[in-house]
Amino acid sequence: MFIMAILVTLIFGSFSYMLLKFPEDFLKMSSFSEKITKKPFLKKYVQFTGWWFLIIVIGIWIIAILSLFE
């Protein structure tokens, strides 16, 4: 279970960090047009997605720690 938690942390944790820390740079790298990337809603959606990835990482670690006591 801990190997899965580490893999999920590496994958989703890196995406979460990128989406939360650098949403403008993420939108610049995306295939969206310049006009769409300037909208503040899209930046908020990218940050919202980053928070969900972080919640997934936290949830996996909670499950991994709880599985120790079973």
N, C-alpha and C. Protein backbone atom coordinates (compact mmCIF):
# COMPACT_ATOMS: atom_id res chain seq x y z
N MET A 1 0.83 -1.20 0.00
CA MET A 1 0.00 0.00 0.00
C MET A 1 0.87 1.26 0.00
N PHE A 2 2.00 1.20 0.70
CA PHE A 2 2.84 2.38 0.76
C PHE A 2 3.53 2.66 -0.56
N ILE A 3 3.80 1.62 -1.33
CA ILE A 3 4.39 1.84 -2.66
C ILE A 3 3.39 2.57 -3.55
N MET A 4 2.12 2.19 -3.46
CA MET A 4 1.09 2.87 -4.23
C MET A 4 0.95 4.33 -3.77
N ALA A 5 1.02 4.55 -2.46
CA ALA A 5 0.92 5.91 -1.93
C ALA A 5 2.09 6.77 -2.41
N ILE A 6 3.27 6.19 -2.47
CA ILE A 6 4.44 6.94 -2.95
C ILE A 6 4.28 7.26 -4.44
N LEU A 7 3.82 6.30 -5.23
CA LEU A 7 3.63 6.55 -6.66
C LEU A 7 2.56 7.61 -6.91
N VAL A 8 1.46 7.53 -6.17
CA VAL A 8 0.40 8.53 -6.32
C VAL A 8 0.91 9.90 -5.90
N THR A 9 1.72 9.93 -4.84
CA THR A 9 2.29 11.21 -4.40
C THR A 9 3.20 11.80 -5.46
N LEU A 10 4.02 10.97 -6.07
CA LEU A 10 4.92 11.49 -7.10
C LEU A 10 4.15 12.01 -8.31
N ILE A 11 3.13 11.29 -8.74
CA ILE A 11 2.39 11.69 -9.93
C ILE A 11 1.46 12.86 -9.64
N PHE A 12 0.50 12.65 -8.73
CA PHE A 12 -0.50 13.68 -8.47
C PHE A 12 0.08 14.85 -7.67
N GLY A 13 1.06 14.58 -6.84
CA GLY A 13 1.69 15.65 -6.07
C GLY A 13 2.43 16.63 -6.95
N SER A 14 3.11 16.11 -7.96
CA SER A 14 3.83 17.02 -8.86
C SER A 14 2.85 17.84 -9.71
N PHE A 15 1.77 17.21 -10.17
CA PHE A 15 0.76 17.97 -10.91
C PHE A 15 0.09 19.00 -10.01
N SER A 16 -0.20 18.61 -8.77
CA SER A 16 -0.84 19.54 -7.84
C SER A 16 0.06 20.74 -7.59
N TYR A 17 1.35 20.50 -7.36
CA TYR A 17 2.28 21.60 -7.12
C TYR A 17 2.34 22.53 -8.34
N MET A 18 2.41 21.94 -9.52
CA MET A 18 2.50 22.75 -10.73
C MET A 18 1.23 23.58 -10.94
N LEU A 19 0.08 22.97 -10.72
CA LEU A 19 -1.18 23.68 -10.93
C LEU A 19 -1.42 24.76 -9.89
N LEU A 20 -1.01 24.52 -8.65
CA LEU A 20 -1.25 25.50 -7.59
C LEU A 20 -0.21 26.62 -7.60
N LYS A 21 1.02 26.29 -7.89
CA LYS A 21 2.10 27.27 -7.80
C LYS A 21 2.22 28.11 -9.08
N PHE A 22 2.02 27.50 -10.23
CA PHE A 22 2.24 28.19 -11.50
C PHE A 22 1.06 28.02 -12.46
N PRO A 23 -0.14 28.51 -12.10
CA PRO A 23 -1.28 28.31 -13.01
C PRO A 23 -1.12 29.06 -14.33
N GLU A 24 -0.49 30.25 -14.31
CA GLU A 24 -0.32 31.01 -15.55
C GLU A 24 0.63 30.29 -16.51
N ASP A 25 1.71 29.75 -15.97
CA ASP A 25 2.65 29.02 -16.81
C ASP A 25 2.04 27.75 -17.37
N PHE A 26 1.20 27.09 -16.57
CA PHE A 26 0.52 25.89 -17.06
C PHE A 26 -0.40 26.25 -18.22
N LEU A 27 -1.10 27.38 -18.11
CA LEU A 27 -1.99 27.78 -19.19
C LEU A 27 -1.21 28.21 -20.43
N LYS A 28 -0.02 28.76 -20.25
CA LYS A 28 0.81 29.13 -21.40
C LYS A 28 1.28 27.90 -22.16
N MET A 29 1.54 26.80 -21.43
CA MET A 29 2.00 25.57 -22.07
C MET A 29 0.85 24.80 -22.71
N SER A 30 -0.38 25.12 -22.33
CA SER A 30 -1.52 24.36 -22.84
C SER A 30 -1.81 24.73 -24.29
N SER A 31 -2.71 23.96 -24.90
CA SER A 31 -3.05 24.20 -26.30
C SER A 31 -4.19 25.19 -26.46
N PHE A 32 -4.62 25.82 -25.37
CA PHE A 32 -5.68 26.82 -25.47
C PHE A 32 -5.16 28.05 -26.20
N SER A 33 -6.07 28.76 -26.83
CA SER A 33 -5.67 29.99 -27.51
C SER A 33 -5.35 31.08 -26.49
N GLU A 34 -4.67 32.08 -26.94
CA GLU A 34 -4.25 33.19 -26.06
C GLU A 34 -5.46 33.90 -25.45
N LYS A 35 -6.53 33.99 -26.21
CA LYS A 35 -7.74 34.69 -25.75
C LYS A 35 -8.39 33.94 -24.58
N ILE A 36 -8.40 32.63 -24.64
CA ILE A 36 -9.03 31.84 -23.58
C ILE A 36 -8.18 31.82 -22.33
N THR A 37 -6.86 31.79 -22.47
CA THR A 37 -6.00 31.70 -21.29
C THR A 37 -6.00 32.96 -20.44
N LYS A 38 -6.46 34.07 -20.98
CA LYS A 38 -6.52 35.32 -20.21
C LYS A 38 -7.73 35.38 -19.29
N LYS A 39 -8.68 34.46 -19.45
CA LYS A 39 -9.89 34.50 -18.62
C LYS A 39 -9.57 34.04 -17.20
N PRO A 40 -10.04 34.79 -16.19
CA PRO A 40 -9.73 34.42 -14.80
C PRO A 40 -10.43 33.13 -14.37
N PHE A 41 -11.55 32.79 -15.02
CA PHE A 41 -12.25 31.55 -14.65
C PHE A 41 -11.37 30.33 -14.91
N LEU A 42 -10.65 30.33 -16.01
CA LEU A 42 -9.80 29.19 -16.35
C LEU A 42 -8.66 29.05 -15.34
N LYS A 43 -8.11 30.17 -14.89
CA LYS A 43 -7.05 30.13 -13.87
C LYS A 43 -7.60 29.56 -12.56
N LYS A 44 -8.80 29.96 -12.18
CA LYS A 44 -9.42 29.43 -10.96
C LYS A 44 -9.72 27.94 -11.11
N TYR A 45 -10.12 27.50 -12.31
CA TYR A 45 -10.39 26.09 -12.55
C TYR A 45 -9.11 25.27 -12.45
N VAL A 46 -8.01 25.80 -12.95
CA VAL A 46 -6.73 25.11 -12.86
C VAL A 46 -6.31 24.97 -11.39
N GLN A 47 -6.49 26.02 -10.61
CA GLN A 47 -6.16 25.94 -9.19
C GLN A 47 -7.09 24.98 -8.45
N PHE A 48 -8.36 24.97 -8.82
CA PHE A 48 -9.33 24.04 -8.23
C PHE A 48 -8.92 22.60 -8.51
N THR A 49 -8.48 22.33 -9.73
CA THR A 49 -8.01 21.00 -10.09
C THR A 49 -6.76 20.64 -9.28
N GLY A 50 -5.88 21.59 -9.07
CA GLY A 50 -4.69 21.36 -8.25
C GLY A 50 -5.04 20.99 -6.82
N TRP A 51 -6.06 21.65 -6.26
CA TRP A 51 -6.49 21.31 -4.90
C TRP A 51 -7.07 19.89 -4.85
N TRP A 52 -7.80 19.49 -5.89
CA TRP A 52 -8.35 18.13 -5.91
C TRP A 52 -7.24 17.10 -5.99
N PHE A 53 -6.21 17.36 -6.77
CA PHE A 53 -5.08 16.44 -6.82
C PHE A 53 -4.42 16.33 -5.45
N LEU A 54 -4.31 17.43 -4.74
CA LEU A 54 -3.73 17.42 -3.40
C LEU A 54 -4.61 16.62 -2.44
N ILE A 55 -5.91 16.75 -2.55
CA ILE A 55 -6.84 15.98 -1.71
C ILE A 55 -6.71 14.49 -2.01
N ILE A 56 -6.51 14.12 -3.27
CA ILE A 56 -6.31 12.72 -3.63
C ILE A 56 -5.05 12.18 -2.95
N VAL A 57 -3.98 12.95 -2.97
CA VAL A 57 -2.73 12.53 -2.34
C VAL A 57 -2.92 12.34 -0.83
N ILE A 58 -3.58 13.28 -0.20
CA ILE A 58 -3.82 13.18 1.25
C ILE A 58 -4.68 11.96 1.56
N GLY A 59 -5.70 11.73 0.74
CA GLY A 59 -6.58 10.58 0.96
C GLY A 59 -5.86 9.26 0.82
N ILE A 60 -4.99 9.15 -0.16
CA ILE A 60 -4.23 7.91 -0.33
C ILE A 60 -3.33 7.66 0.88
N TRP A 61 -2.70 8.71 1.41
CA TRP A 61 -1.84 8.52 2.58
C TRP A 61 -2.64 8.16 3.82
N ILE A 62 -3.83 8.71 3.96
CA ILE A 62 -4.69 8.34 5.09
C ILE A 62 -5.06 6.87 5.00
N ILE A 63 -5.43 6.42 3.80
CA ILE A 63 -5.77 5.01 3.62
C ILE A 63 -4.56 4.11 3.90
N ALA A 64 -3.39 4.54 3.44
CA ALA A 64 -2.17 3.73 3.67
C ALA A 64 -1.85 3.63 5.16
N ILE A 65 -1.99 4.72 5.89
CA ILE A 65 -1.70 4.70 7.33
C ILE A 65 -2.74 3.88 8.08
N LEU A 66 -4.03 4.03 7.70
CA LEU A 66 -5.07 3.25 8.36
C LEU A 66 -4.95 1.76 8.07
N SER A 67 -4.40 1.41 6.93
CA SER A 67 -4.24 -0.01 6.61
C SER A 67 -3.19 -0.68 7.49
N LEU A 68 -2.34 0.11 8.12
CA LEU A 68 -1.35 -0.45 9.05
C LEU A 68 -2.03 -1.04 10.29
N PHE A 69 -3.17 -0.48 10.68
CA PHE A 69 -3.82 -0.88 11.92
C PHE A 69 -4.84 -1.99 11.71
N GLU A 70 -5.00 -2.47 10.51
CA GLU A 70 -5.97 -3.54 10.25
C GLU A 70 -5.33 -4.88 10.37
